[in-house]
N, C-alpha and C. Protein backbone atom coordinates (compact mmCIF):
# COMPACT_ATOMS: atom_id res chain seq x y z
N MET A 1 0.83 -1.19 0.00
CA MET A 1 0.00 0.00 0.00
C MET A 1 0.88 1.26 0.00
N LYS A 2 1.97 1.20 0.79
CA LYS A 2 2.88 2.34 0.86
C LYS A 2 3.49 2.61 -0.52
N GLN A 3 3.85 1.52 -1.22
CA GLN A 3 4.46 1.67 -2.54
C GLN A 3 3.47 2.28 -3.53
N LEU A 4 2.22 1.89 -3.47
CA LEU A 4 1.19 2.44 -4.35
C LEU A 4 1.01 3.93 -4.08
N PHE A 5 0.99 4.31 -2.80
CA PHE A 5 0.85 5.72 -2.44
C PHE A 5 2.05 6.51 -2.95
N LEU A 6 3.26 5.97 -2.75
CA LEU A 6 4.47 6.63 -3.20
C LEU A 6 4.48 6.78 -4.72
N LEU A 7 4.13 5.73 -5.42
CA LEU A 7 4.08 5.77 -6.88
C LEU A 7 3.07 6.80 -7.36
N SER A 8 1.90 6.84 -6.76
CA SER A 8 0.87 7.82 -7.12
C SER A 8 1.35 9.23 -6.88
N THR A 9 1.99 9.45 -5.74
CA THR A 9 2.51 10.78 -5.41
C THR A 9 3.56 11.21 -6.42
N LEU A 10 4.48 10.31 -6.76
CA LEU A 10 5.52 10.63 -7.74
C LEU A 10 4.92 10.95 -9.11
N MET A 11 3.88 10.22 -9.52
CA MET A 11 3.23 10.50 -10.80
C MET A 11 2.57 11.87 -10.80
N ILE A 12 1.95 12.24 -9.71
CA ILE A 12 1.31 13.55 -9.61
C ILE A 12 2.36 14.65 -9.68
N ILE A 13 3.46 14.47 -8.95
CA ILE A 13 4.54 15.47 -8.96
C ILE A 13 5.14 15.58 -10.35
N ALA A 14 5.39 14.45 -10.99
CA ALA A 14 5.97 14.46 -12.34
C ALA A 14 5.05 15.15 -13.33
N THR A 15 3.77 14.87 -13.24
CA THR A 15 2.80 15.51 -14.14
C THR A 15 2.75 17.01 -13.91
N ALA A 16 2.71 17.42 -12.66
CA ALA A 16 2.66 18.86 -12.33
C ALA A 16 3.94 19.55 -12.78
N THR A 17 5.08 18.91 -12.54
CA THR A 17 6.36 19.50 -12.93
C THR A 17 6.46 19.61 -14.44
N PHE A 18 6.05 18.56 -15.17
CA PHE A 18 6.12 18.61 -16.63
C PHE A 18 5.22 19.71 -17.17
N GLY A 19 4.04 19.86 -16.61
CA GLY A 19 3.11 20.90 -17.05
C GLY A 19 3.71 22.28 -16.85
N GLN A 20 4.39 22.48 -15.72
CA GLN A 20 5.03 23.76 -15.47
C GLN A 20 6.17 23.98 -16.45
N ALA A 21 6.90 22.92 -16.75
CA ALA A 21 8.00 23.04 -17.69
C ALA A 21 7.48 23.43 -19.06
N ALA A 22 6.39 22.82 -19.51
CA ALA A 22 5.83 23.17 -20.81
C ALA A 22 5.40 24.63 -20.82
N ALA A 23 4.70 25.05 -19.78
CA ALA A 23 4.25 26.44 -19.71
C ALA A 23 5.44 27.39 -19.60
N SER A 24 6.45 27.01 -18.82
CA SER A 24 7.60 27.90 -18.66
C SER A 24 8.49 27.91 -19.90
N ASP A 25 8.47 26.85 -20.71
CA ASP A 25 9.25 26.82 -21.95
C ASP A 25 8.57 27.59 -23.08
N PHE A 26 7.30 27.84 -22.97
CA PHE A 26 6.57 28.47 -24.07
C PHE A 26 7.17 29.82 -24.49
N PRO A 27 7.60 30.69 -23.57
CA PRO A 27 8.19 31.96 -24.01
C PRO A 27 9.42 31.80 -24.90
N LYS A 28 10.07 30.64 -24.87
CA LYS A 28 11.23 30.39 -25.73
C LYS A 28 10.83 30.36 -27.21
N LEU A 29 9.53 30.32 -27.49
CA LEU A 29 9.03 30.27 -28.87
C LEU A 29 8.59 31.65 -29.38
N HIS A 30 8.64 32.66 -28.53
CA HIS A 30 8.14 33.99 -28.91
C HIS A 30 8.92 34.64 -30.05
N TRP A 31 10.14 34.19 -30.31
CA TRP A 31 10.92 34.74 -31.41
C TRP A 31 10.20 34.57 -32.75
N LEU A 32 9.25 33.65 -32.81
CA LEU A 32 8.56 33.35 -34.06
C LEU A 32 7.58 34.45 -34.47
N THR A 33 7.17 35.31 -33.53
CA THR A 33 6.18 36.34 -33.87
C THR A 33 6.70 37.27 -34.96
N GLY A 34 5.78 37.71 -35.79
CA GLY A 34 6.10 38.62 -36.89
C GLY A 34 5.73 37.99 -38.22
N THR A 35 6.15 38.66 -39.29
CA THR A 35 5.86 38.19 -40.64
C THR A 35 7.13 37.66 -41.27
N TRP A 36 7.04 36.47 -41.80
CA TRP A 36 8.15 35.78 -42.46
C TRP A 36 7.79 35.58 -43.93
N LYS A 37 8.55 36.17 -44.82
CA LYS A 37 8.33 36.03 -46.27
C LYS A 37 9.14 34.86 -46.81
N LYS A 38 8.48 34.00 -47.56
CA LYS A 38 9.15 32.83 -48.14
C LYS A 38 10.11 33.29 -49.23
N THR A 39 11.33 32.73 -49.22
CA THR A 39 12.36 33.17 -50.18
C THR A 39 12.71 32.11 -51.23
N ASN A 40 12.32 30.88 -51.03
CA ASN A 40 12.65 29.85 -52.04
C ASN A 40 11.40 29.45 -52.83
N ASN A 41 10.79 30.46 -53.43
CA ASN A 41 9.58 30.25 -54.22
C ASN A 41 9.90 29.86 -55.65
N LYS A 42 8.97 29.16 -56.28
CA LYS A 42 9.06 28.93 -57.71
C LYS A 42 8.74 30.26 -58.40
N PRO A 43 9.21 30.46 -59.65
CA PRO A 43 8.92 31.71 -60.35
C PRO A 43 7.42 32.02 -60.40
N GLY A 44 7.05 33.26 -60.14
CA GLY A 44 5.65 33.68 -60.18
C GLY A 44 4.87 33.37 -58.91
N ARG A 45 5.54 32.79 -57.92
CA ARG A 45 4.87 32.43 -56.67
C ARG A 45 5.51 33.16 -55.49
N SER A 46 4.74 33.28 -54.42
CA SER A 46 5.24 33.87 -53.19
C SER A 46 4.51 33.23 -52.02
N GLY A 47 4.99 33.51 -50.84
CA GLY A 47 4.35 32.94 -49.66
C GLY A 47 4.84 33.61 -48.40
N SER A 48 4.15 33.35 -47.31
CA SER A 48 4.54 33.92 -46.03
C SER A 48 3.90 33.15 -44.90
N GLU A 49 4.47 33.34 -43.72
CA GLU A 49 3.86 32.91 -42.47
C GLU A 49 3.84 34.14 -41.57
N GLN A 50 2.72 34.33 -40.91
CA GLN A 50 2.61 35.44 -39.97
C GLN A 50 2.16 34.88 -38.63
N TRP A 51 2.89 35.24 -37.55
CA TRP A 51 2.62 34.74 -36.21
C TRP A 51 2.41 35.90 -35.25
N GLU A 52 1.45 35.72 -34.33
CA GLU A 52 1.20 36.74 -33.31
C GLU A 52 0.75 36.06 -32.01
N HIS A 53 0.89 36.80 -30.92
CA HIS A 53 0.43 36.29 -29.62
C HIS A 53 -1.09 36.31 -29.60
N SER A 54 -1.70 35.24 -29.13
CA SER A 54 -3.16 35.25 -28.95
C SER A 54 -3.51 35.16 -27.46
N THR A 55 -2.71 34.46 -26.68
CA THR A 55 -2.84 34.41 -25.21
C THR A 55 -1.42 34.22 -24.68
N PRO A 56 -1.24 34.31 -23.36
CA PRO A 56 0.11 34.07 -22.82
C PRO A 56 0.65 32.67 -23.12
N ALA A 57 -0.22 31.71 -23.39
CA ALA A 57 0.21 30.34 -23.66
C ALA A 57 -0.14 29.90 -25.08
N ALA A 58 -0.26 30.85 -26.01
CA ALA A 58 -0.59 30.47 -27.38
C ALA A 58 -0.13 31.54 -28.38
N LEU A 59 0.37 31.06 -29.49
CA LEU A 59 0.64 31.91 -30.66
C LEU A 59 -0.26 31.41 -31.77
N LYS A 60 -0.79 32.32 -32.55
CA LYS A 60 -1.56 31.89 -33.72
C LYS A 60 -0.86 32.39 -34.96
N GLY A 61 -0.99 31.60 -36.01
CA GLY A 61 -0.32 31.96 -37.24
C GLY A 61 -1.17 31.64 -38.45
N ILE A 62 -0.71 32.16 -39.58
CA ILE A 62 -1.36 31.85 -40.85
C ILE A 62 -0.26 31.71 -41.89
N GLY A 63 -0.36 30.66 -42.68
CA GLY A 63 0.55 30.46 -43.79
C GLY A 63 -0.21 30.63 -45.09
N ILE A 64 0.38 31.39 -46.00
CA ILE A 64 -0.29 31.69 -47.27
C ILE A 64 0.68 31.48 -48.42
N ARG A 65 0.19 30.87 -49.50
CA ARG A 65 0.96 30.76 -50.74
C ARG A 65 0.16 31.43 -51.85
N LEU A 66 0.86 32.18 -52.68
CA LEU A 66 0.23 32.91 -53.78
C LEU A 66 0.87 32.53 -55.10
N GLN A 67 0.06 32.56 -56.15
CA GLN A 67 0.56 32.50 -57.51
C GLN A 67 0.10 33.79 -58.15
N GLY A 68 1.05 34.67 -58.40
CA GLY A 68 0.69 36.02 -58.80
C GLY A 68 -0.03 36.68 -57.64
N LYS A 69 -1.27 37.11 -57.87
CA LYS A 69 -2.07 37.71 -56.81
C LYS A 69 -3.14 36.76 -56.28
N ASP A 70 -3.17 35.55 -56.81
CA ASP A 70 -4.18 34.57 -56.41
C ASP A 70 -3.67 33.68 -55.27
N THR A 71 -4.48 33.54 -54.23
CA THR A 71 -4.15 32.67 -53.12
C THR A 71 -4.37 31.23 -53.54
N THR A 72 -3.32 30.40 -53.43
CA THR A 72 -3.42 29.00 -53.83
C THR A 72 -3.48 28.06 -52.63
N PHE A 73 -3.08 28.54 -51.46
CA PHE A 73 -3.06 27.69 -50.27
C PHE A 73 -3.06 28.56 -49.02
N THR A 74 -3.87 28.19 -48.05
CA THR A 74 -3.92 28.87 -46.76
C THR A 74 -3.98 27.82 -45.66
N GLU A 75 -3.19 28.02 -44.63
CA GLU A 75 -3.26 27.14 -43.46
C GLU A 75 -3.28 27.99 -42.20
N LYS A 76 -4.13 27.60 -41.27
CA LYS A 76 -4.16 28.23 -39.95
C LYS A 76 -3.19 27.45 -39.08
N LEU A 77 -2.36 28.18 -38.35
CA LEU A 77 -1.34 27.55 -37.52
C LEU A 77 -1.48 28.02 -36.07
N ALA A 78 -0.96 27.25 -35.15
CA ALA A 78 -0.95 27.65 -33.75
C ALA A 78 0.17 26.91 -33.03
N LEU A 79 0.68 27.54 -32.01
CA LEU A 79 1.54 26.91 -31.02
C LEU A 79 0.85 27.15 -29.70
N LEU A 80 0.59 26.08 -28.93
CA LEU A 80 -0.17 26.26 -27.70
C LEU A 80 0.18 25.22 -26.65
N VAL A 81 -0.09 25.60 -25.41
CA VAL A 81 0.09 24.67 -24.29
C VAL A 81 -1.24 23.98 -24.07
N LYS A 82 -1.21 22.64 -24.10
CA LYS A 82 -2.42 21.84 -23.90
C LYS A 82 -2.03 20.52 -23.26
N ASP A 83 -2.79 20.10 -22.28
CA ASP A 83 -2.54 18.81 -21.63
C ASP A 83 -1.08 18.66 -21.20
N ASP A 84 -0.55 19.71 -20.60
CA ASP A 84 0.81 19.69 -20.04
C ASP A 84 1.91 19.53 -21.08
N SER A 85 1.63 19.84 -22.34
CA SER A 85 2.63 19.79 -23.40
C SER A 85 2.43 20.99 -24.32
N ILE A 86 3.41 21.22 -25.16
CA ILE A 86 3.29 22.27 -26.18
C ILE A 86 3.03 21.59 -27.51
N TYR A 87 2.08 22.12 -28.26
CA TYR A 87 1.71 21.56 -29.56
C TYR A 87 1.80 22.61 -30.66
N TYR A 88 2.20 22.16 -31.83
CA TYR A 88 2.12 22.92 -33.08
C TYR A 88 0.88 22.36 -33.76
N VAL A 89 -0.05 23.24 -34.14
CA VAL A 89 -1.31 22.79 -34.71
C VAL A 89 -1.45 23.36 -36.12
N ALA A 90 -1.71 22.50 -37.08
CA ALA A 90 -1.91 22.91 -38.47
C ALA A 90 -3.33 22.56 -38.88
N ASP A 91 -4.03 23.57 -39.37
CA ASP A 91 -5.40 23.38 -39.83
C ASP A 91 -5.44 23.74 -41.31
N VAL A 92 -5.51 22.71 -42.16
CA VAL A 92 -5.50 22.91 -43.60
C VAL A 92 -6.80 22.38 -44.20
N PRO A 93 -7.24 22.96 -45.31
CA PRO A 93 -8.54 22.59 -45.88
C PRO A 93 -8.70 21.10 -46.21
N GLU A 94 -7.62 20.43 -46.61
CA GLU A 94 -7.77 19.03 -47.02
C GLU A 94 -7.92 18.05 -45.85
N ASN A 95 -7.71 18.51 -44.62
CA ASN A 95 -7.90 17.64 -43.45
C ASN A 95 -9.22 17.98 -42.76
N LYS A 96 -9.92 16.96 -42.27
CA LYS A 96 -11.21 17.17 -41.61
C LYS A 96 -11.08 17.92 -40.30
N ALA A 97 -9.94 17.75 -39.62
CA ALA A 97 -9.73 18.38 -38.32
C ALA A 97 -8.28 18.88 -38.25
N PRO A 98 -8.01 19.82 -37.36
CA PRO A 98 -6.62 20.28 -37.19
C PRO A 98 -5.72 19.10 -36.79
N ILE A 99 -4.46 19.17 -37.22
CA ILE A 99 -3.47 18.13 -36.90
C ILE A 99 -2.55 18.68 -35.82
N TYR A 100 -2.40 17.90 -34.75
CA TYR A 100 -1.55 18.28 -33.62
C TYR A 100 -0.20 17.58 -33.71
N PHE A 101 0.87 18.37 -33.62
CA PHE A 101 2.23 17.87 -33.58
C PHE A 101 2.80 18.25 -32.23
N LYS A 102 3.24 17.28 -31.47
CA LYS A 102 3.80 17.56 -30.15
C LYS A 102 5.20 18.15 -30.30
N VAL A 103 5.45 19.25 -29.60
CA VAL A 103 6.79 19.83 -29.60
C VAL A 103 7.67 18.91 -28.75
N THR A 104 8.65 18.29 -29.40
CA THR A 104 9.50 17.31 -28.72
C THR A 104 10.84 17.89 -28.31
N ALA A 105 11.20 19.04 -28.84
CA ALA A 105 12.47 19.68 -28.47
C ALA A 105 12.38 21.18 -28.71
N ILE A 106 12.90 21.93 -27.77
CA ILE A 106 13.08 23.38 -27.93
C ILE A 106 14.54 23.65 -27.65
N HIS A 107 15.20 24.32 -28.59
CA HIS A 107 16.61 24.65 -28.41
C HIS A 107 16.80 26.12 -28.73
N PRO A 108 17.98 26.68 -28.46
CA PRO A 108 18.17 28.13 -28.65
C PRO A 108 17.86 28.65 -30.05
N ASN A 109 18.03 27.80 -31.07
CA ASN A 109 17.79 28.27 -32.44
C ASN A 109 16.58 27.63 -33.09
N GLY A 110 15.62 27.12 -32.30
CA GLY A 110 14.41 26.59 -32.92
C GLY A 110 13.70 25.54 -32.10
N PHE A 111 12.88 24.76 -32.80
CA PHE A 111 12.12 23.71 -32.14
C PHE A 111 11.77 22.61 -33.14
N THR A 112 11.44 21.45 -32.58
CA THR A 112 11.05 20.28 -33.36
C THR A 112 9.70 19.81 -32.86
N CYS A 113 8.81 19.43 -33.76
CA CYS A 113 7.53 18.86 -33.36
C CYS A 113 7.25 17.64 -34.23
N GLU A 114 6.50 16.68 -33.64
CA GLU A 114 6.30 15.41 -34.32
C GLU A 114 4.90 14.85 -34.09
N ASN A 115 4.43 14.14 -35.12
CA ASN A 115 3.20 13.36 -35.04
C ASN A 115 3.40 12.13 -35.92
N PRO A 116 3.91 11.03 -35.32
CA PRO A 116 4.22 9.83 -36.11
C PRO A 116 3.01 9.21 -36.78
N GLN A 117 1.79 9.49 -36.31
CA GLN A 117 0.58 8.90 -36.90
C GLN A 117 0.10 9.66 -38.14
N HIS A 118 0.59 10.89 -38.35
CA HIS A 118 0.13 11.68 -39.50
C HIS A 118 0.79 11.16 -40.78
N ASP A 119 0.08 11.29 -41.92
CA ASP A 119 0.64 10.79 -43.18
C ASP A 119 1.87 11.59 -43.60
N PHE A 120 1.73 12.89 -43.81
CA PHE A 120 2.86 13.77 -44.12
C PHE A 120 2.47 15.18 -43.77
N PRO A 121 3.32 15.87 -43.08
CA PRO A 121 4.59 15.43 -42.53
C PRO A 121 4.41 14.72 -41.20
N LYS A 122 5.44 14.04 -40.80
CA LYS A 122 5.46 13.41 -39.47
C LYS A 122 6.31 14.25 -38.51
N LYS A 123 7.22 15.05 -39.09
CA LYS A 123 8.12 15.87 -38.29
C LYS A 123 8.26 17.24 -38.94
N ILE A 124 8.26 18.28 -38.10
CA ILE A 124 8.44 19.66 -38.55
C ILE A 124 9.52 20.28 -37.69
N VAL A 125 10.53 20.87 -38.34
CA VAL A 125 11.62 21.51 -37.62
C VAL A 125 11.71 22.97 -38.06
N TYR A 126 11.64 23.89 -37.10
CA TYR A 126 11.84 25.31 -37.32
C TYR A 126 13.22 25.67 -36.78
N GLU A 127 14.05 26.32 -37.63
CA GLU A 127 15.38 26.74 -37.21
C GLU A 127 15.61 28.19 -37.63
N ILE A 128 16.04 29.02 -36.68
CA ILE A 128 16.27 30.43 -36.95
C ILE A 128 17.75 30.74 -36.90
N ALA A 129 18.17 31.62 -37.80
CA ALA A 129 19.53 32.14 -37.81
C ALA A 129 19.42 33.62 -38.18
N GLY A 130 19.41 34.48 -37.17
CA GLY A 130 19.24 35.91 -37.41
C GLY A 130 17.85 36.20 -37.94
N LYS A 131 17.78 36.79 -39.13
CA LYS A 131 16.49 37.11 -39.76
C LYS A 131 16.03 36.01 -40.71
N HIS A 132 16.73 34.89 -40.70
CA HIS A 132 16.41 33.80 -41.62
C HIS A 132 15.81 32.61 -40.86
N LEU A 133 14.80 32.02 -41.47
CA LEU A 133 14.09 30.90 -40.88
C LEU A 133 14.07 29.75 -41.88
N LYS A 134 14.42 28.57 -41.40
CA LYS A 134 14.35 27.37 -42.22
C LYS A 134 13.34 26.43 -41.58
N VAL A 135 12.35 26.01 -42.37
CA VAL A 135 11.35 25.06 -41.90
C VAL A 135 11.48 23.81 -42.75
N THR A 136 11.71 22.69 -42.08
CA THR A 136 11.86 21.41 -42.78
C THR A 136 10.74 20.48 -42.34
N THR A 137 9.99 19.98 -43.29
CA THR A 137 8.96 18.98 -43.01
C THR A 137 9.44 17.66 -43.58
N SER A 138 9.18 16.58 -42.84
CA SER A 138 9.68 15.28 -43.32
C SER A 138 8.81 14.14 -42.81
N GLY A 139 9.01 13.00 -43.46
CA GLY A 139 8.31 11.78 -43.08
C GLY A 139 8.31 10.78 -44.22
N ASP A 140 8.44 9.52 -43.88
CA ASP A 140 8.41 8.43 -44.85
C ASP A 140 9.35 8.65 -46.03
N GLY A 141 10.56 9.14 -45.73
CA GLY A 141 11.56 9.32 -46.77
C GLY A 141 11.42 10.57 -47.62
N LYS A 142 10.38 11.38 -47.37
CA LYS A 142 10.19 12.63 -48.11
C LYS A 142 10.59 13.81 -47.24
N THR A 143 11.07 14.87 -47.87
CA THR A 143 11.44 16.10 -47.17
C THR A 143 11.04 17.30 -48.01
N ALA A 144 10.55 18.34 -47.34
CA ALA A 144 10.26 19.60 -48.01
C ALA A 144 10.91 20.71 -47.19
N LEU A 145 11.57 21.65 -47.89
CA LEU A 145 12.29 22.72 -47.24
C LEU A 145 11.66 24.06 -47.61
N PHE A 146 11.41 24.89 -46.59
CA PHE A 146 10.84 26.22 -46.79
C PHE A 146 11.76 27.23 -46.13
N LEU A 147 12.21 28.21 -46.91
CA LEU A 147 13.11 29.24 -46.40
C LEU A 147 12.37 30.57 -46.31
N PHE A 148 12.58 31.28 -45.21
CA PHE A 148 11.91 32.55 -44.97
C PHE A 148 12.88 33.60 -44.48
N GLU A 149 12.48 34.85 -44.65
CA GLU A 149 13.23 35.98 -44.10
C GLU A 149 12.23 36.88 -43.38
N LYS A 150 12.60 37.37 -42.20
CA LYS A 150 11.70 38.19 -41.41
C LYS A 150 11.59 39.57 -42.01
N GLU A 151 10.38 40.06 -42.11
CA GLU A 151 10.14 41.41 -42.63
C GLU A 151 10.46 42.44 -41.58
């Protein structure tokens, strides 16, 4: 009985501590706020991601791709604290519901998020170097690279 009580207490402490860590790590992502213009576009195309604070524990974003002046793709994005973890959320028209990617690493120059059950991508990596942002999406042997510069 003592062991069960001890185990339960340790699980509660671990859960509470992890939740605080997720919430306390969230400000490390604030560098993402602002407008990022895509720089590796095909001719005649352009794109951007724009991020802003929506609450102390959430950033909301929008990704847009254009061909000339016509919008060809729009995705709603978010970074948020939920269930004691940080998630990157992508809401795109072709999916019935938003896709949640758990942030698995935060480092001084970016973050990594993953959802092994999603078809593509399974992993998204954001890396910043000054005013330059590199976003790499990958999964099942495929990779897509998006380069941005902060406005």
